[in-house]
Amino acid sequence: MNMIVLMTAAGAPLAMLGLSTPVAPERNCIFMIHPQITSAVFESKEGKIVFPDRPTEYPCRYARTKSGTEIAFTNQNDWRFEVRIGRGDEGSWKARLDDDVVGGRAFSPFGDGK
């Protein structure tokens, strides 16, 4: 899995999470703006959490489990991201900072073959 598409809870395109290869427990990931993002989504709470400043590469934990794939990392503003993709290439994401939590849908358009 080298790319995951993140959407808001309402289903609006938000970001693409690119992951480095080769597959290892520790990989690097970076958010890229989804080509179909709207200015309203970019300026939303989710947009400001995912894109807080400039593009930054994050070390992330990448683990395959019986139920799918889990990716976790912390961004430069201390939001803890967790992305879970099931065997059907669909799942969810959430970001947490203290008691504040946002999230939405996630899917891997190219599957988990890599």
PDB file of N, CA and C in Angstrom:
ATOM      1  N   MET A   1       0.845  -1.164   0.000  1.00  0.00           N
ATOM      2  CA  MET A   1       0.000   0.000   0.000  1.00  0.00           C
ATOM      3  C   MET A   1       0.895   1.232   0.000  1.00  0.00           C
ATOM      4  N   ASN A   2       0.737   2.053  -1.025  1.00  0.00           N
ATOM      5  CA  ASN A   2       1.582   3.231  -1.149  1.00  0.00           C
ATOM      6  C   ASN A   2       0.814   4.544  -1.100  1.00  0.00           C
ATOM      7  N   MET A   3      -0.522   4.483  -1.197  1.00  0.00           N
ATOM      8  CA  MET A   3      -1.317   5.704  -1.133  1.00  0.00           C
ATOM      9  C   MET A   3      -2.683   5.386  -0.538  1.00  0.00           C
ATOM     10  N   ILE A   4      -3.138   6.307   0.303  1.00  0.00           N
ATOM     11  CA  ILE A   4      -4.456   6.195   0.914  1.00  0.00           C
ATOM     12  C   ILE A   4      -5.170   7.521   0.712  1.00  0.00           C
ATOM     13  N   VAL A   5      -6.419   7.459   0.281  1.00  0.00           N
ATOM     14  CA  VAL A   5      -7.231   8.655   0.103  1.00  0.00           C
ATOM     15  C   VAL A   5      -8.030   8.874   1.379  1.00  0.00           C
ATOM     16  N   LEU A   6      -7.960  10.098   1.911  1.00  0.00           N
ATOM     17  CA  LEU A   6      -8.733  10.472   3.092  1.00  0.00           C
ATOM     18  C   LEU A   6      -9.883  11.376   2.672  1.00  0.00           C
ATOM     19  N   MET A   7     -11.042  11.121   3.265  1.00  0.00           N
ATOM     20  CA  MET A   7     -12.214  11.939   3.016  1.00  0.00           C
ATOM     21  C   MET A   7     -12.753  12.430   4.358  1.00  0.00           C
ATOM     22  N   THR A   8     -13.513  13.496   4.339  1.00  0.00           N
ATOM     23  CA  THR A   8     -14.129  13.990   5.563  1.00  0.00           C
ATOM     24  C   THR A   8     -15.225  13.016   5.992  1.00  0.00           C
ATOM     25  N   ALA A   9     -15.760  13.227   7.179  1.00  0.00           N
ATOM     26  CA  ALA A   9     -16.871  12.391   7.663  1.00  0.00           C
ATOM     27  C   ALA A   9     -18.079  12.511   6.746  1.00  0.00           C
ATOM     28  N   ALA A  10     -18.215  13.670   6.083  1.00  0.00           N
ATOM     29  CA  ALA A  10     -19.326  13.879   5.152  1.00  0.00           C
ATOM     30  C   ALA A  10     -19.043  13.293   3.767  1.00  0.00           C
ATOM     31  N   GLY A  11     -17.844  12.744   3.550  1.00  0.00           N
ATOM     32  CA  GLY A  11     -17.510  12.107   2.284  1.00  0.00           C
ATOM     33  C   GLY A  11     -16.832  12.987   1.261  1.00  0.00           C
ATOM     34  N   ALA A  12     -16.418  14.202   1.636  1.00  0.00           N
ATOM     35  CA  ALA A  12     -15.739  15.098   0.701  1.00  0.00           C
ATOM     36  C   ALA A  12     -14.256  14.737   0.597  1.00  0.00           C
ATOM     37  N   PRO A  13     -13.684  14.720  -0.613  1.00  0.00           N
ATOM     38  CA  PRO A  13     -12.263  14.440  -0.773  1.00  0.00           C
ATOM     39  C   PRO A  13     -11.418  15.449   0.003  1.00  0.00           C
ATOM     40  N   LEU A  14     -10.411  14.958   0.708  1.00  0.00           N
ATOM     41  CA  LEU A  14      -9.569  15.814   1.531  1.00  0.00           C
ATOM     42  C   LEU A  14      -8.096  15.716   1.139  1.00  0.00           C
ATOM     43  N   ALA A  15      -7.517  14.531   1.261  1.00  0.00           N
ATOM     44  CA  ALA A  15      -6.079  14.393   1.071  1.00  0.00           C
ATOM     45  C   ALA A  15      -5.723  13.007   0.573  1.00  0.00           C
ATOM     46  N   MET A  16      -4.500  12.906   0.076  1.00  0.00           N
ATOM     47  CA  MET A  16      -3.913  11.612  -0.241  1.00  0.00           C
ATOM     48  C   MET A  16      -2.704  11.472   0.674  1.00  0.00           C
ATOM     49  N   LEU A  17      -2.601  10.339   1.329  1.00  0.00           N
ATOM     50  CA  LEU A  17      -1.477  10.050   2.198  1.00  0.00           C
ATOM     51  C   LEU A  17      -0.541   9.136   1.428  1.00  0.00           C
ATOM     52  N   GLY A  18       0.617   9.671   1.062  1.00  0.00           N
ATOM     53  CA  GLY A  18       1.611   8.888   0.343  1.00  0.00           C
ATOM     54  C   GLY A  18       2.551   8.217   1.319  1.00  0.00           C
ATOM     55  N   LEU A  19       2.864   6.946   1.075  1.00  0.00           N
ATOM     56  CA  LEU A  19       3.746   6.175   1.941  1.00  0.00           C
ATOM     57  C   LEU A  19       4.973   5.720   1.159  1.00  0.00           C
ATOM     58  N   SER A  20       6.125   5.782   1.819  1.00  0.00           N
ATOM     59  CA  SER A  20       7.357   5.356   1.179  1.00  0.00           C
ATOM     60  C   SER A  20       7.390   3.840   1.032  1.00  0.00           C
ATOM     61  N   THR A  21       8.263   3.372   0.167  1.00  0.00           N
ATOM     62  CA  THR A  21       8.496   1.942   0.004  1.00  0.00           C
ATOM     63  C   THR A  21       9.970   1.689   0.284  1.00  0.00           C
ATOM     64  N   PRO A  22      10.430   0.546   0.568  1.00  0.00           N
ATOM     65  CA  PRO A  22       9.670  -0.695   0.644  1.00  0.00           C
ATOM     66  C   PRO A  22       8.880  -0.771   1.942  1.00  0.00           C
ATOM     67  N   VAL A  23       7.976  -1.750   1.984  1.00  0.00           N
ATOM     68  CA  VAL A  23       7.150  -1.952   3.160  1.00  0.00           C
ATOM     69  C   VAL A  23       8.043  -2.344   4.327  1.00  0.00           C
ATOM     70  N   ALA A  24       7.873  -1.648   5.406  1.00  0.00           N
ATOM     71  CA  ALA A  24       8.613  -1.940   6.638  1.00  0.00           C
ATOM     72  C   ALA A  24       7.773  -1.446   7.795  1.00  0.00           C
ATOM     73  N   PRO A  25       8.065  -1.892   9.011  1.00  0.00           N
ATOM     74  CA  PRO A  25       7.284  -1.398  10.149  1.00  0.00           C
ATOM     75  C   PRO A  25       7.386   0.118  10.309  1.00  0.00           C
ATOM     76  N   GLU A  26       8.504   0.696   9.935  1.00  0.00           N
ATOM     77  CA  GLU A  26       8.689   2.153  10.022  1.00  0.00           C
ATOM     78  C   GLU A  26       8.834   2.682   8.604  1.00  0.00           C
ATOM     79  N   ARG A  27       7.895   3.510   8.192  1.00  0.00           N
ATOM     80  CA  ARG A  27       7.932   4.107   6.856  1.00  0.00           C
ATOM     81  C   ARG A  27       7.819   5.607   7.003  1.00  0.00           C
ATOM     82  N   ASN A  28       7.911   6.310   5.901  1.00  0.00           N
ATOM     83  CA  ASN A  28       7.676   7.747   5.894  1.00  0.00           C
ATOM     84  C   ASN A  28       6.404   8.008   5.118  1.00  0.00           C
ATOM     85  N   CYS A  29       5.646   9.021   5.579  1.00  0.00           N
ATOM     86  CA  CYS A  29       4.414   9.363   4.883  1.00  0.00           C
ATOM     87  C   CYS A  29       4.294  10.875   4.798  1.00  0.00           C
ATOM     88  N   ILE A  30       3.521  11.305   3.807  1.00  0.00           N
ATOM     89  CA  ILE A  30       3.313  12.735   3.584  1.00  0.00           C
ATOM     90  C   ILE A  30       1.902  12.945   3.034  1.00  0.00           C
ATOM     91  N   PHE A  31       1.254  14.020   3.474  1.00  0.00           N
ATOM     92  CA  PHE A  31      -0.062  14.374   2.953  1.00  0.00           C
ATOM     93  C   PHE A  31       0.096  15.187   1.680  1.00  0.00           C
ATOM     94  N   MET A  32      -0.736  14.871   0.698  1.00  0.00           N
ATOM     95  CA  MET A  32      -0.817  15.645  -0.529  1.00  0.00           C
ATOM     96  C   MET A  32      -2.261  16.094  -0.685  1.00  0.00           C
ATOM     97  N   ILE A  33      -2.466  17.259  -1.220  1.00  0.00           N
ATOM     98  CA  ILE A  33      -3.818  17.773  -1.421  1.00  0.00           C
ATOM     99  C   ILE A  33      -4.524  16.925  -2.479  1.00  0.00           C
ATOM    100  N   HIS A  34      -5.737  16.490  -2.163  1.00  0.00           N
ATOM    101  CA  HIS A  34      -6.526  15.713  -3.119  1.00  0.00           C
ATOM    102  C   HIS A  34      -6.891  16.628  -4.291  1.00  0.00           C
ATOM    103  N   PRO A  35      -6.787  16.157  -5.531  1.00  0.00           N
ATOM    104  CA  PRO A  35      -7.079  17.038  -6.674  1.00  0.00           C
ATOM    105  C   PRO A  35      -8.524  17.521  -6.738  1.00  0.00           C
ATOM    106  N   GLN A  36      -9.447  16.873  -6.004  1.00  0.00           N
ATOM    107  CA  GLN A  36     -10.847  17.297  -6.031  1.00  0.00           C
ATOM    108  C   GLN A  36     -11.251  18.052  -4.765  1.00  0.00           C
ATOM    109  N   ILE A  37     -10.289  18.468  -3.946  1.00  0.00           N
ATOM    110  CA  ILE A  37     -10.623  19.195  -2.724  1.00  0.00           C
ATOM    111  C   ILE A  37     -11.244  20.546  -3.078  1.00  0.00           C
ATOM    112  N   THR A  38     -12.196  20.975  -2.276  1.00  0.00           N
ATOM    113  CA  THR A  38     -12.792  22.303  -2.463  1.00  0.00           C
ATOM    114  C   THR A  38     -12.156  23.269  -1.473  1.00  0.00           C
ATOM    115  N   SER A  39     -12.288  24.549  -1.721  1.00  0.00           N
ATOM    116  CA  SER A  39     -11.727  25.535  -0.799  1.00  0.00           C
ATOM    117  C   SER A  39     -12.416  25.444   0.562  1.00  0.00           C
ATOM    118  N   ALA A  40     -13.705  25.106   0.569  1.00  0.00           N
ATOM    119  CA  ALA A  40     -14.423  24.969   1.845  1.00  0.00           C
ATOM    120  C   ALA A  40     -13.836  23.831   2.674  1.00  0.00           C
ATOM    121  N   VAL A  41     -13.507  22.703   2.044  1.00  0.00           N
ATOM    122  CA  VAL A  41     -12.922  21.577   2.770  1.00  0.00           C
ATOM    123  C   VAL A  41     -11.504  21.925   3.208  1.00  0.00           C
ATOM    124  N   PHE A  42     -10.742  22.581   2.347  1.00  0.00           N
ATOM    125  CA  PHE A  42      -9.372  22.977   2.703  1.00  0.00           C
ATOM    126  C   PHE A  42      -9.373  23.895   3.924  1.00  0.00           C
ATOM    127  N   GLU A  43     -10.363  24.781   4.028  1.00  0.00           N
ATOM    128  CA  GLU A  43     -10.449  25.727   5.145  1.00  0.00           C
ATOM    129  C   GLU A  43     -11.192  25.143   6.350  1.00  0.00           C
ATOM    130  N   SER A  44     -11.735  23.946   6.229  1.00  0.00           N
ATOM    131  CA  SER A  44     -12.461  23.325   7.332  1.00  0.00           C
ATOM    132  C   SER A  44     -11.513  22.895   8.447  1.00  0.00           C
ATOM    133  N   LYS A  45     -12.083  22.467   9.561  1.00  0.00           N
ATOM    134  CA  LYS A  45     -11.282  21.986  10.684  1.00  0.00           C
ATOM    135  C   LYS A  45     -10.395  20.824  10.245  1.00  0.00           C
ATOM    136  N   GLU A  46     -10.978  19.861   9.511  1.00  0.00           N
ATOM    137  CA  GLU A  46     -10.198  18.718   9.034  1.00  0.00           C
ATOM    138  C   GLU A  46      -9.045  19.173   8.143  1.00  0.00           C
ATOM    139  N   GLY A  47      -9.320  20.109   7.250  1.00  0.00           N
ATOM    140  CA  GLY A  47      -8.282  20.624   6.351  1.00  0.00           C
ATOM    141  C   GLY A  47      -7.149  21.286   7.098  1.00  0.00           C
ATOM    142  N   LYS A  48      -7.477  22.044   8.115  1.00  0.00           N
ATOM    143  CA  LYS A  48      -6.429  22.732   8.890  1.00  0.00           C
ATOM    144  C   LYS A  48      -5.612  21.763   9.729  1.00  0.00           C
ATOM    145  N   ILE A  49      -6.202  20.637  10.121  1.00  0.00           N
ATOM    146  CA  ILE A  49      -5.463  19.627  10.885  1.00  0.00           C
ATOM    147  C   ILE A  49      -4.542  18.835   9.955  1.00  0.00           C
ATOM    148  N   VAL A  50      -5.059  18.439   8.793  1.00  0.00           N
ATOM    149  CA  VAL A  50      -4.265  17.651   7.850  1.00  0.00           C
ATOM    150  C   VAL A  50      -3.193  18.500   7.178  1.00  0.00           C
ATOM    151  N   PHE A  51      -3.490  19.750   6.880  1.00  0.00           N
ATOM    152  CA  PHE A  51      -2.544  20.653   6.218  1.00  0.00           C
ATOM    153  C   PHE A  51      -2.256  21.865   7.103  1.00  0.00           C
ATOM    154  N   PRO A  52      -1.553  21.690   8.242  1.00  0.00           N
ATOM    155  CA  PRO A  52      -1.369  22.792   9.179  1.00  0.00           C
ATOM    156  C   PRO A  52      -0.395  23.869   8.717  1.00  0.00           C
ATOM    157  N   ASP A  53       0.530  23.542   7.854  1.00  0.00           N
ATOM    158  CA  ASP A  53       1.551  24.518   7.459  1.00  0.00           C
ATOM    159  C   ASP A  53       2.035  24.159   6.062  1.00  0.00           C
ATOM    160  N   ARG A  54       3.192  23.645   5.967  1.00  0.00           N
ATOM    161  CA  ARG A  54       3.748  23.228   4.680  1.00  0.00           C
ATOM    162  C   ARG A  54       3.805  21.694   4.656  1.00  0.00           C
ATOM    163  N   PRO A  55       3.926  21.091   3.482  1.00  0.00           N
ATOM    164  CA  PRO A  55       4.035  19.629   3.436  1.00  0.00           C
ATOM    165  C   PRO A  55       5.225  19.140   4.263  1.00  0.00           C
ATOM    166  N   THR A  56       4.980  18.181   5.113  1.00  0.00           N
ATOM    167  CA  THR A  56       6.006  17.634   5.990  1.00  0.00           C
ATOM    168  C   THR A  56       5.962  16.116   5.915  1.00  0.00           C
ATOM    169  N   GLU A  57       7.143  15.514   5.857  1.00  0.00           N
ATOM    170  CA  GLU A  57       7.236  14.060   5.856  1.00  0.00           C
ATOM    171  C   GLU A  57       7.286  13.582   7.303  1.00  0.00           C
ATOM    172  N   TYR A  58       6.475  12.585   7.612  1.00  0.00           N
ATOM    173  CA  TYR A  58       6.391  12.060   8.972  1.00  0.00           C
ATOM    174  C   TYR A  58       6.854  10.619   9.018  1.00  0.00           C
ATOM    175  N   PRO A  59       7.626  10.246  10.046  1.00  0.00           N
ATOM    176  CA  PRO A  59       7.862   8.811  10.241  1.00  0.00           C
ATOM    177  C   PRO A  59       6.556   8.194  10.736  1.00  0.00           C
ATOM    178  N   CYS A  60       6.166   7.078  10.143  1.00  0.00           N
ATOM    179  CA  CYS A  60       4.909   6.460  10.541  1.00  0.00           C
ATOM    180  C   CYS A  60       5.100   4.962  10.766  1.00  0.00           C
ATOM    181  N   ARG A  61       4.274   4.440  11.644  1.00  0.00           N
ATOM    182  CA  ARG A  61       4.251   3.000  11.912  1.00  0.00           C
ATOM    183  C   ARG A  61       3.274   2.380  10.922  1.00  0.00           C
ATOM    184  N   TYR A  62       3.695   1.310  10.278  1.00  0.00           N
ATOM    185  CA  TYR A  62       2.905   0.620   9.268  1.00  0.00           C
ATOM    186  C   TYR A  62       2.826  -0.842   9.679  1.00  0.00           C
ATOM    187  N   ALA A  63       1.633  -1.336   9.919  1.00  0.00           N
ATOM    188  CA  ALA A  63       1.491  -2.721  10.371  1.00  0.00           C
ATOM    189  C   ALA A  63       0.347  -3.401   9.645  1.00  0.00           C
ATOM    190  N   ARG A  64       0.611  -4.587   9.135  1.00  0.00           N
ATOM    191  CA  ARG A  64      -0.453  -5.412   8.579  1.00  0.00           C
ATOM    192  C   ARG A  64      -0.973  -6.295   9.702  1.00  0.00           C
ATOM    193  N   THR A  65      -2.278  -6.383   9.797  1.00  0.00           N
ATOM    194  CA  THR A  65      -2.914  -7.202  10.820  1.00  0.00           C
ATOM    195  C   THR A  65      -3.853  -8.186  10.135  1.00  0.00           C
ATOM    196  N   LYS A  66      -4.480  -9.041  10.913  1.00  0.00           N
ATOM    197  CA  LYS A  66      -5.446  -9.990  10.343  1.00  0.00           C
ATOM    198  C   LYS A  66      -6.624  -9.273   9.702  1.00  0.00           C
ATOM    199  N   SER A  67      -6.964  -8.101  10.234  1.00  0.00           N
ATOM    200  CA  SER A  67      -8.123  -7.386   9.711  1.00  0.00           C
ATOM    201  C   SER A  67      -7.776  -6.350   8.637  1.00  0.00           C
ATOM    202  N   GLY A  68      -6.485  -6.109   8.362  1.00  0.00           N
ATOM    203  CA  GLY A  68      -6.111  -5.137   7.345  1.00  0.00           C
ATOM    204  C   GLY A  68      -4.779  -4.481   7.623  1.00  0.00           C
ATOM    205  N   THR A  69      -4.720  -3.176   7.438  1.00  0.00           N
ATOM    206  CA  THR A  69      -3.485  -2.411   7.615  1.00  0.00           C
ATOM    207  C   THR A  69      -3.747  -1.236   8.541  1.00  0.00           C
ATOM    208  N   GLU A  70      -2.794  -0.973   9.432  1.00  0.00           N
ATOM    209  CA  GLU A  70      -2.885   0.168  10.350  1.00  0.00           C
ATOM    210  C   GLU A  70      -1.659   1.052  10.172  1.00  0.00           C
ATOM    211  N   ILE A  71      -1.899   2.344  10.102  1.00  0.00           N
ATOM    212  CA  ILE A  71      -0.835   3.334   9.961  1.00  0.00           C
ATOM    213  C   ILE A  71      -1.045   4.369  11.052  1.00  0.00           C
ATOM    214  N   ALA A  72       0.040   4.774  11.719  1.00  0.00           N
ATOM    215  CA  ALA A  72      -0.076   5.760  12.795  1.00  0.00           C
ATOM    216  C   ALA A  72       1.138   6.686  12.780  1.00  0.00           C
ATOM    217  N   PHE A  73       0.877   7.965  13.044  1.00  0.00           N
ATOM    218  CA  PHE A  73       1.948   8.958  13.126  1.00  0.00           C
ATOM    219  C   PHE A  73       1.415  10.209  13.816  1.00  0.00           C
ATOM    220  N   THR A  74       2.320  11.088  14.185  1.00  0.00           N
ATOM    221  CA  THR A  74       1.964  12.367  14.804  1.00  0.00           C
ATOM    222  C   THR A  74       2.469  13.485  13.900  1.00  0.00           C
ATOM    223  N   ASN A  75       1.607  14.481  13.619  1.00  0.00           N
ATOM    224  CA  ASN A  75       2.039  15.579  12.754  1.00  0.00           C
ATOM    225  C   ASN A  75       2.766  16.659  13.546  1.00  0.00           C
ATOM    226  N   GLN A  76       3.179  17.723  12.865  1.00  0.00           N
ATOM    227  CA  GLN A  76       3.980  18.762  13.502  1.00  0.00           C
ATOM    228  C   GLN A  76       3.213  19.583  14.535  1.00  0.00           C
ATOM    229  N   ASN A  77       1.893  19.458  14.564  1.00  0.00           N
ATOM    230  CA  ASN A  77       1.074  20.154  15.563  1.00  0.00           C
ATOM    231  C   ASN A  77       0.569  19.207  16.642  1.00  0.00           C
ATOM    232  N   ASP A  78       1.206  18.040  16.759  1.00  0.00           N
ATOM    233  CA  ASP A  78       0.923  17.040  17.788  1.00  0.00           C
ATOM    234  C   ASP A  78      -0.420  16.329  17.646  1.00  0.00           C
ATOM    235  N   TRP A  79      -1.040  16.383  16.478  1.00  0.00           N
ATOM    236  CA  TRP A  79      -2.236  15.580  16.226  1.00  0.00           C
ATOM    237  C   TRP A  79      -1.774  14.161  15.943  1.00  0.00           C
ATOM    238  N   ARG A  80      -2.359  13.193  16.625  1.00  0.00           N
ATOM    239  CA  ARG A  80      -2.028  11.780  16.456  1.00  0.00           C
ATOM    240  C   ARG A  80      -2.998  11.180  15.447  1.00  0.00           C
ATOM    241  N   PHE A  81      -2.486  10.747  14.304  1.00  0.00           N
ATOM    242  CA  PHE A  81      -3.301  10.171  13.237  1.00  0.00           C
ATOM    243  C   PHE A  81      -3.267   8.654  13.309  1.00  0.00           C
ATOM    244  N   GLU A  82      -4.424   8.051  13.098  1.00  0.00           N
ATOM    245  CA  GLU A  82      -4.548   6.601  12.983  1.00  0.00           C
ATOM    246  C   GLU A  82      -5.403   6.321  11.755  1.00  0.00           C
ATOM    247  N   VAL A  83      -4.871   5.505  10.867  1.00  0.00           N
ATOM    248  CA  VAL A  83      -5.580   5.129   9.647  1.00  0.00           C
ATOM    249  C   VAL A  83      -5.704   3.613   9.656  1.00  0.00           C
ATOM    250  N   ARG A  84      -6.901   3.134   9.445  1.00  0.00           N
ATOM    251  CA  ARG A  84      -7.144   1.691   9.394  1.00  0.00           C
ATOM    252  C   ARG A  84      -7.830   1.354   8.075  1.00  0.00           C
ATOM    253  N   ILE A  85      -7.198   0.458   7.327  1.00  0.00           N
ATOM    254  CA  ILE A  85      -7.750   0.006   6.054  1.00  0.00           C
ATOM    255  C   ILE A  85      -8.018  -1.487   6.171  1.00  0.00           C
ATOM    256  N   GLY A  86      -9.252  -1.886   5.926  1.00  0.00           N
ATOM    257  CA  GLY A  86      -9.623  -3.297   6.013  1.00  0.00           C
ATOM    258  C   GLY A  86      -9.213  -4.070   4.777  1.00  0.00           C
ATOM    259  N   ARG A  87      -9.481  -5.337   4.792  1.00  0.00           N
ATOM    260  CA  ARG A  87      -9.125  -6.216   3.668  1.00  0.00           C
ATOM    261  C   ARG A  87      -9.802  -5.794   2.364  1.00  0.00           C
ATOM    262  N   GLY A  88     -10.909  -5.084   2.440  1.00  0.00           N
ATOM    263  CA  GLY A  88     -11.613  -4.617   1.248  1.00  0.00           C
ATOM    264  C   GLY A  88     -11.109  -3.283   0.751  1.00  0.00           C
ATOM    265  N   ASP A  89      -9.950  -2.834   1.208  1.00  0.00           N
ATOM    266  CA  ASP A  89      -9.300  -1.578   0.808  1.00  0.00           C
ATOM    267  C   ASP A  89     -10.051  -0.331   1.257  1.00  0.00           C
ATOM    268  N   GLU A  90     -11.015  -0.468   2.176  1.00  0.00           N
ATOM    269  CA  GLU A  90     -11.723   0.679   2.719  1.00  0.00           C
ATOM    270  C   GLU A  90     -11.589   0.681   4.230  1.00  0.00           C
ATOM    271  N   GLY A  91     -11.666   1.872   4.808  1.00  0.00           N
ATOM    272  CA  GLY A  91     -11.546   1.965   6.250  1.00  0.00           C
ATOM    273  C   GLY A  91     -11.845   3.360   6.745  1.00  0.00           C
ATOM    274  N   SER A  92     -11.094   3.781   7.756  1.00  0.00           N
ATOM    275  CA  SER A  92     -11.346   5.084   8.372  1.00  0.00           C
ATOM    276  C   SER A  92     -10.041   5.693   8.855  1.00  0.00           C
ATOM    277  N   TRP A  93     -10.118   6.991   9.152  1.00  0.00           N
ATOM    278  CA  TRP A  93      -8.992   7.694   9.751  1.00  0.00           C
ATOM    279  C   TRP A  93      -9.528   8.558  10.874  1.00  0.00           C
ATOM    280  N   LYS A  94      -8.661   8.820  11.835  1.00  0.00           N
ATOM    281  CA  LYS A  94      -9.005   9.784  12.875  1.00  0.00           C
ATOM    282  C   LYS A  94      -7.730  10.472  13.323  1.00  0.00           C
ATOM    283  N   ALA A  95      -7.911  11.697  13.778  1.00  0.00           N
ATOM    284  CA  ALA A  95      -6.814  12.479  14.337  1.00  0.00           C
ATOM    285  C   ALA A  95      -7.264  12.940  15.712  1.00  0.00           C
ATOM    286  N   ARG A  96      -6.369  12.818  16.679  1.00  0.00           N
ATOM    287  CA  ARG A  96      -6.718  13.137  18.067  1.00  0.00           C
ATOM    288  C   ARG A  96      -5.662  14.082  18.652  1.00  0.00           C
ATOM    289  N   LEU A  97      -6.136  15.095  19.343  1.00  0.00           N
ATOM    290  CA  LEU A  97      -5.294  15.994  20.121  1.00  0.00           C
ATOM    291  C   LEU A  97      -6.025  16.223  21.436  1.00  0.00           C
ATOM    292  N   ASP A  98      -5.487  15.657  22.498  1.00  0.00           N
ATOM    293  CA  ASP A  98      -6.158  15.678  23.803  1.00  0.00           C
ATOM    294  C   ASP A  98      -7.559  15.075  23.654  1.00  0.00           C
ATOM    295  N   ASP A  99      -8.607  15.838  23.962  1.00  0.00           N
ATOM    296  CA  ASP A  99      -9.976  15.316  23.871  1.00  0.00           C
ATOM    297  C   ASP A  99     -10.656  15.652  22.541  1.00  0.00           C
ATOM    298  N   ASP A 100      -9.944  16.329  21.657  1.00  0.00           N
ATOM    299  CA  ASP A 100     -10.503  16.725  20.367  1.00  0.00           C
ATOM    300  C   ASP A 100     -10.203  15.632  19.334  1.00  0.00           C
ATOM    301  N   VAL A 101     -11.242  15.152  18.647  1.00  0.00           N
ATOM    302  CA  VAL A 101     -11.091  14.083  17.664  1.00  0.00           C
ATOM    303  C   VAL A 101     -11.847  14.449  16.388  1.00  0.00           C
ATOM    304  N   VAL A 102     -11.197  14.269  15.240  1.00  0.00           N
ATOM    305  CA  VAL A 102     -11.856  14.404  13.942  1.00  0.00           C
ATOM    306  C   VAL A 102     -11.526  13.150  13.139  1.00  0.00           C
ATOM    307  N   GLY A 103     -12.299  12.880  12.118  1.00  0.00           N
ATOM    308  CA  GLY A 103     -12.019  11.701  11.307  1.00  0.00           C
ATOM    309  C   GLY A 103     -12.936  11.604  10.128  1.00  0.00           C
ATOM    310  N   GLY A 104     -12.795  10.518   9.400  1.00  0.00           N
ATOM    311  CA  GLY A 104     -13.617  10.298   8.229  1.00  0.00           C
ATOM    312  C   GLY A 104     -13.300   8.967   7.584  1.00  0.00           C
ATOM    313  N   ARG A 105     -13.675   8.846   6.331  1.00  0.00           N
ATOM    314  CA  ARG A 105     -13.450   7.622   5.560  1.00  0.00           C
ATOM    315  C   ARG A 105     -12.049   7.609   4.974  1.00  0.00           C
ATOM    316  N   ALA A 106     -11.546   6.415   4.693  1.00  0.00           N
ATOM    317  CA  ALA A 106     -10.254   6.244   4.041  1.00  0.00           C
ATOM    318  C   ALA A 106     -10.344   5.028   3.124  1.00  0.00           C
ATOM    319  N   PHE A 107      -9.608   5.072   2.020  1.00  0.00           N
ATOM    320  CA  PHE A 107      -9.524   3.886   1.170  1.00  0.00           C
ATOM    321  C   PHE A 107      -8.213   3.893   0.398  1.00  0.00           C
ATOM    322  N   SER A 108      -7.789   2.722   0.027  1.00  0.00           N
ATOM    323  CA  SER A 108      -6.573   2.546  -0.739  1.00  0.00           C
ATOM    324  C   SER A 108      -6.960   2.209  -2.180  1.00  0.00           C
ATOM    325  N   PRO A 109      -6.824   3.162  -3.111  1.00  0.00           N
ATOM    326  CA  PRO A 109      -7.291   2.925  -4.479  1.00  0.00           C
ATOM    327  C   PRO A 109      -6.510   1.839  -5.217  1.00  0.00           C
ATOM    328  N   PHE A 110      -5.301   1.512  -4.752  1.00  0.00           N
ATOM    329  CA  PHE A 110      -4.476   0.509  -5.436  1.00  0.00           C
ATOM    330  C   PHE A 110      -4.324  -0.756  -4.609  1.00  0.00           C
ATOM    331  N   GLY A 111      -5.073  -0.876  -3.529  1.00  0.00           N
ATOM    332  CA  GLY A 111      -5.058  -2.078  -2.720  1.00  0.00           C
ATOM    333  C   GLY A 111      -3.826  -2.200  -1.855  1.00  0.00           C
ATOM    334  N   ASP A 112      -3.698  -3.377  -1.241  1.00  0.00           N
ATOM    335  CA  ASP A 112      -2.604  -3.640  -0.302  1.00  0.00           C
ATOM    336  C   ASP A 112      -1.631  -4.655  -0.886  1.00  0.00           C
ATOM    337  N   GLY A 113      -1.391  -4.578  -2.168  1.00  0.00           N
ATOM    338  CA  GLY A 113      -0.491  -5.520  -2.801  1.00  0.00           C
ATOM    339  C   GLY A 113       0.971  -5.235  -2.548  1.00  0.00           C
ATOM    340  N   LYS A 114       1.293  -4.037  -2.060  1.00  0.00           N
ATOM    341  CA  LYS A 114       2.703  -3.684  -1.824  1.00  0.00           C
ATOM    342  C   LYS A 114       2.901  -3.250  -0.409  1.00  0.00           C
TER     343      LYS A 114
END
